[in-house]
Amino acid sequence: RRQTARIEANPLFSQLLEAMPGPACLINAQRQIIAANGGCSSPSACPP
């Protein structure tokens, strides 16, 4: 659920989800956000 809050807090991420929904898109968009944030800076942003 924490990831959902993070997604909703990011307008660009929400637009990506609306444009092309699906597990693959989720993974790609999440990786882009992690990369944009400078890598795994926060534990909640990184899958185990």
PDB file of N, CA and C in Angstrom:
ATOM      1  N   ARG A   1       0.829  -1.202   0.000  1.00  0.00           N
ATOM      2  CA  ARG A   1       0.000   0.000   0.000  1.00  0.00           C
ATOM      3  C   ARG A   1       0.869   1.260   0.000  1.00  0.00           C
ATOM      4  N   ARG A   2       2.042   1.168   0.593  1.00  0.00           N
ATOM      5  CA  ARG A   2       2.931   2.329   0.604  1.00  0.00           C
ATOM      6  C   ARG A   2       3.298   2.747  -0.819  1.00  0.00           C
ATOM      7  N   GLN A   3       3.481   1.737  -1.683  1.00  0.00           N
ATOM      8  CA  GLN A   3       3.836   2.025  -3.073  1.00  0.00           C
ATOM      9  C   GLN A   3       2.692   2.762  -3.768  1.00  0.00           C
ATOM     10  N   THR A   4       1.464   2.406  -3.422  1.00  0.00           N
ATOM     11  CA  THR A   4       0.307   3.067  -4.028  1.00  0.00           C
ATOM     12  C   THR A   4       0.313   4.546  -3.679  1.00  0.00           C
ATOM     13  N   ALA A   5       0.601   4.865  -2.423  1.00  0.00           N
ATOM     14  CA  ALA A   5       0.650   6.263  -2.000  1.00  0.00           C
ATOM     15  C   ALA A   5       1.738   6.997  -2.760  1.00  0.00           C
ATOM     16  N   ARG A   6       2.863   6.327  -2.950  1.00  0.00           N
ATOM     17  CA  ARG A   6       3.979   6.933  -3.671  1.00  0.00           C
ATOM     18  C   ARG A   6       3.579   7.209  -5.120  1.00  0.00           C
ATOM     19  N   ILE A   7       2.867   6.259  -5.722  1.00  0.00           N
ATOM     20  CA  ILE A   7       2.425   6.410  -7.109  1.00  0.00           C
ATOM     21  C   ILE A   7       1.466   7.594  -7.230  1.00  0.00           C
ATOM     22  N   GLU A   8       0.511   7.679  -6.321  1.00  0.00           N
ATOM     23  CA  GLU A   8      -0.486   8.747  -6.385  1.00  0.00           C
ATOM     24  C   GLU A   8       0.162  10.106  -6.154  1.00  0.00           C
ATOM     25  N   ALA A   9       1.274  10.124  -5.434  1.00  0.00           N
ATOM     26  CA  ALA A   9       1.965  11.379  -5.145  1.00  0.00           C
ATOM     27  C   ALA A   9       2.771  11.853  -6.344  1.00  0.00           C
ATOM     28  N   ASN A  10       2.921  10.999  -7.344  1.00  0.00           N
ATOM     29  CA  ASN A  10       3.711  11.343  -8.520  1.00  0.00           C
ATOM     30  C   ASN A  10       2.800  11.458  -9.742  1.00  0.00           C
ATOM     31  N   PRO A  11       2.494  12.684 -10.170  1.00  0.00           N
ATOM     32  CA  PRO A  11       1.577  12.902 -11.303  1.00  0.00           C
ATOM     33  C   PRO A  11       2.064  12.220 -12.575  1.00  0.00           C
ATOM     34  N   LEU A  12       3.362  12.318 -12.846  1.00  0.00           N
ATOM     35  CA  LEU A  12       3.911  11.725 -14.062  1.00  0.00           C
ATOM     36  C   LEU A  12       3.731  10.214 -14.026  1.00  0.00           C
ATOM     37  N   PHE A  13       3.940   9.626 -12.864  1.00  0.00           N
ATOM     38  CA  PHE A  13       3.787   8.183 -12.720  1.00  0.00           C
ATOM     39  C   PHE A  13       2.337   7.782 -12.960  1.00  0.00           C
ATOM     40  N   SER A  14       1.414   8.579 -12.439  1.00  0.00           N
ATOM     41  CA  SER A  14      -0.009   8.300 -12.644  1.00  0.00           C
ATOM     42  C   SER A  14      -0.361   8.362 -14.119  1.00  0.00           C
ATOM     43  N   GLN A  15       0.220   9.335 -14.837  1.00  0.00           N
ATOM     44  CA  GLN A  15      -0.049   9.458 -16.265  1.00  0.00           C
ATOM     45  C   GLN A  15       0.477   8.237 -17.004  1.00  0.00           C
ATOM     46  N   LEU A  16       1.634   7.740 -16.597  1.00  0.00           N
ATOM     47  CA  LEU A  16       2.196   6.546 -17.228  1.00  0.00           C
ATOM     48  C   LEU A  16       1.265   5.351 -17.023  1.00  0.00           C
ATOM     49  N   LEU A  17       0.744   5.214 -15.815  1.00  0.00           N
ATOM     50  CA  LEU A  17      -0.145   4.091 -15.518  1.00  0.00           C
ATOM     51  C   LEU A  17      -1.420   4.180 -16.345  1.00  0.00           C
ATOM     52  N   GLU A  18      -1.932   5.402 -16.499  1.00  0.00           N
ATOM     53  CA  GLU A  18      -3.169   5.564 -17.263  1.00  0.00           C
ATOM     54  C   GLU A  18      -2.926   5.311 -18.747  1.00  0.00           C
ATOM     55  N   ALA A  19      -1.734   5.669 -19.222  1.00  0.00           N
ATOM     56  CA  ALA A  19      -1.423   5.526 -20.643  1.00  0.00           C
ATOM     57  C   ALA A  19      -1.233   4.056 -21.012  1.00  0.00           C
ATOM     58  N   MET A  20      -0.532   3.311 -20.166  1.00  0.00           N
ATOM     59  CA  MET A  20      -0.281   1.902 -20.468  1.00  0.00           C
ATOM     60  C   MET A  20      -0.239   1.083 -19.190  1.00  0.00           C
ATOM     61  N   PRO A  21      -1.404   0.681 -18.690  1.00  0.00           N
ATOM     62  CA  PRO A  21      -1.502  -0.099 -17.463  1.00  0.00           C
ATOM     63  C   PRO A  21      -0.999  -1.523 -17.652  1.00  0.00           C
ATOM     64  N   GLY A  22      -0.572  -2.140 -16.573  1.00  0.00           N
ATOM     65  CA  GLY A  22      -0.101  -3.516 -16.638  1.00  0.00           C
ATOM     66  C   GLY A  22       1.137  -3.708 -15.782  1.00  0.00           C
ATOM     67  N   PRO A  23       1.395  -4.942 -15.373  1.00  0.00           N
ATOM     68  CA  PRO A  23       2.543  -5.254 -14.515  1.00  0.00           C
ATOM     69  C   PRO A  23       3.863  -4.785 -15.114  1.00  0.00           C
ATOM     70  N   ALA A  24       4.053  -4.981 -16.418  1.00  0.00           N
ATOM     71  CA  ALA A  24       5.309  -4.590 -17.058  1.00  0.00           C
ATOM     72  C   ALA A  24       5.504  -3.084 -16.959  1.00  0.00           C
ATOM     73  N   CYS A  25       4.429  -2.345 -17.173  1.00  0.00           N
ATOM     74  CA  CYS A  25       4.512  -0.888 -17.090  1.00  0.00           C
ATOM     75  C   CYS A  25       4.827  -0.464 -15.664  1.00  0.00           C
ATOM     76  N   LEU A  26       4.211  -1.125 -14.707  1.00  0.00           N
ATOM     77  CA  LEU A  26       4.470  -0.809 -13.305  1.00  0.00           C
ATOM     78  C   LEU A  26       5.949  -0.951 -12.987  1.00  0.00           C
ATOM     79  N   ILE A  27       6.525  -2.067 -13.426  1.00  0.00           N
ATOM     80  CA  ILE A  27       7.936  -2.332 -13.146  1.00  0.00           C
ATOM     81  C   ILE A  27       8.822  -1.292 -13.828  1.00  0.00           C
ATOM     82  N   ASN A  28       8.558  -1.025 -15.105  1.00  0.00           N
ATOM     83  CA  ASN A  28       9.373  -0.067 -15.849  1.00  0.00           C
ATOM     84  C   ASN A  28       9.278   1.330 -15.255  1.00  0.00           C
ATOM     85  N   ALA A  29       8.067   1.760 -14.941  1.00  0.00           N
ATOM     86  CA  ALA A  29       7.875   3.097 -14.390  1.00  0.00           C
ATOM     87  C   ALA A  29       8.539   3.215 -13.024  1.00  0.00           C
ATOM     88  N   GLN A  30       8.435   2.154 -12.224  1.00  0.00           N
ATOM     89  CA  GLN A  30       9.050   2.179 -10.898  1.00  0.00           C
ATOM     90  C   GLN A  30      10.566   2.280 -11.028  1.00  0.00           C
ATOM     91  N   ARG A  31      11.134   1.560 -11.981  1.00  0.00           N
ATOM     92  CA  ARG A  31      12.580   1.620 -12.192  1.00  0.00           C
ATOM     93  C   ARG A  31      13.002   3.017 -12.618  1.00  0.00           C
ATOM     94  N   GLN A  32      12.187   3.653 -13.460  1.00  0.00           N
ATOM     95  CA  GLN A  32      12.500   5.011 -13.910  1.00  0.00           C
ATOM     96  C   GLN A  32      12.487   5.979 -12.735  1.00  0.00           C
ATOM     97  N   ILE A  33      11.523   5.811 -11.850  1.00  0.00           N
ATOM     98  CA  ILE A  33      11.429   6.679 -10.672  1.00  0.00           C
ATOM     99  C   ILE A  33      12.632   6.455  -9.758  1.00  0.00           C
ATOM    100  N   ILE A  34      12.994   5.191  -9.544  1.00  0.00           N
ATOM    101  CA  ILE A  34      14.147   4.877  -8.708  1.00  0.00           C
ATOM    102  C   ILE A  34      15.408   5.491  -9.304  1.00  0.00           C
ATOM    103  N   ALA A  35      15.557   5.372 -10.623  1.00  0.00           N
ATOM    104  CA  ALA A  35      16.723   5.933 -11.293  1.00  0.00           C
ATOM    105  C   ALA A  35      16.722   7.457 -11.179  1.00  0.00           C
ATOM    106  N   ALA A  36      15.548   8.060 -11.314  1.00  0.00           N
ATOM    107  CA  ALA A  36      15.443   9.514 -11.233  1.00  0.00           C
ATOM    108  C   ALA A  36      15.762  10.005  -9.826  1.00  0.00           C
ATOM    109  N   ASN A  37      15.488   9.159  -8.838  1.00  0.00           N
ATOM    110  CA  ASN A  37      15.756   9.527  -7.449  1.00  0.00           C
ATOM    111  C   ASN A  37      17.201   9.236  -7.059  1.00  0.00           C
ATOM    112  N   GLY A  38      17.997   8.762  -8.003  1.00  0.00           N
ATOM    113  CA  GLY A  38      19.408   8.512  -7.726  1.00  0.00           C
ATOM    114  C   GLY A  38      19.652   7.136  -7.148  1.00  0.00           C
ATOM    115  N   GLY A  39      18.821   6.173  -7.515  1.00  0.00           N
ATOM    116  CA  GLY A  39      19.018   4.802  -7.044  1.00  0.00           C
ATOM    117  C   GLY A  39      18.160   4.492  -5.836  1.00  0.00           C
ATOM    118  N   CYS A  40      18.535   3.446  -5.123  1.00  0.00           N
ATOM    119  CA  CYS A  40      17.745   3.001  -3.974  1.00  0.00           C
ATOM    120  C   CYS A  40      18.081   3.834  -2.749  1.00  0.00           C
ATOM    121  N   SER A  41      17.596   5.055  -2.720  1.00  0.00           N
ATOM    122  CA  SER A  41      17.884   5.935  -1.594  1.00  0.00           C
ATOM    123  C   SER A  41      16.974   5.618  -0.410  1.00  0.00           C
ATOM    124  N   SER A  42      15.744   5.202  -0.699  1.00  0.00           N
ATOM    125  CA  SER A  42      14.812   4.869   0.371  1.00  0.00           C
ATOM    126  C   SER A  42      14.386   3.410   0.261  1.00  0.00           C
ATOM    127  N   PRO A  43      14.342   2.697   1.387  1.00  0.00           N
ATOM    128  CA  PRO A  43      14.001   1.265   1.391  1.00  0.00           C
ATOM    129  C   PRO A  43      12.626   0.997   0.787  1.00  0.00           C
ATOM    130  N   SER A  44      11.681   1.907   0.973  1.00  0.00           N
ATOM    131  CA  SER A  44      10.321   1.674   0.480  1.00  0.00           C
ATOM    132  C   SER A  44      10.266   1.718  -1.038  1.00  0.00           C
ATOM    133  N   ALA A  45      11.274   2.352  -1.671  1.00  0.00           N
ATOM    134  CA  ALA A  45      11.266   2.477  -3.126  1.00  0.00           C
ATOM    135  C   ALA A  45      11.858   1.244  -3.791  1.00  0.00           C
ATOM    136  N   CYS A  46      12.517   0.398  -2.992  1.00  0.00           N
ATOM    137  CA  CYS A  46      13.210  -0.745  -3.573  1.00  0.00           C
ATOM    138  C   CYS A  46      12.565  -2.059  -3.184  1.00  0.00           C
ATOM    139  N   PRO A  47      12.175  -2.856  -4.170  1.00  0.00           N
ATOM    140  CA  PRO A  47      11.664  -4.201  -3.881  1.00  0.00           C
ATOM    141  C   PRO A  47      12.755  -5.063  -3.275  1.00  0.00           C
ATOM    142  N   PRO A  48      12.422  -5.967  -2.395  1.00  0.00           N
ATOM    143  CA  PRO A  48      13.410  -6.821  -1.717  1.00  0.00           C
ATOM    144  C   PRO A  48      14.150  -7.740  -2.669  1.00  0.00           C
TER     145      PRO A  48
END
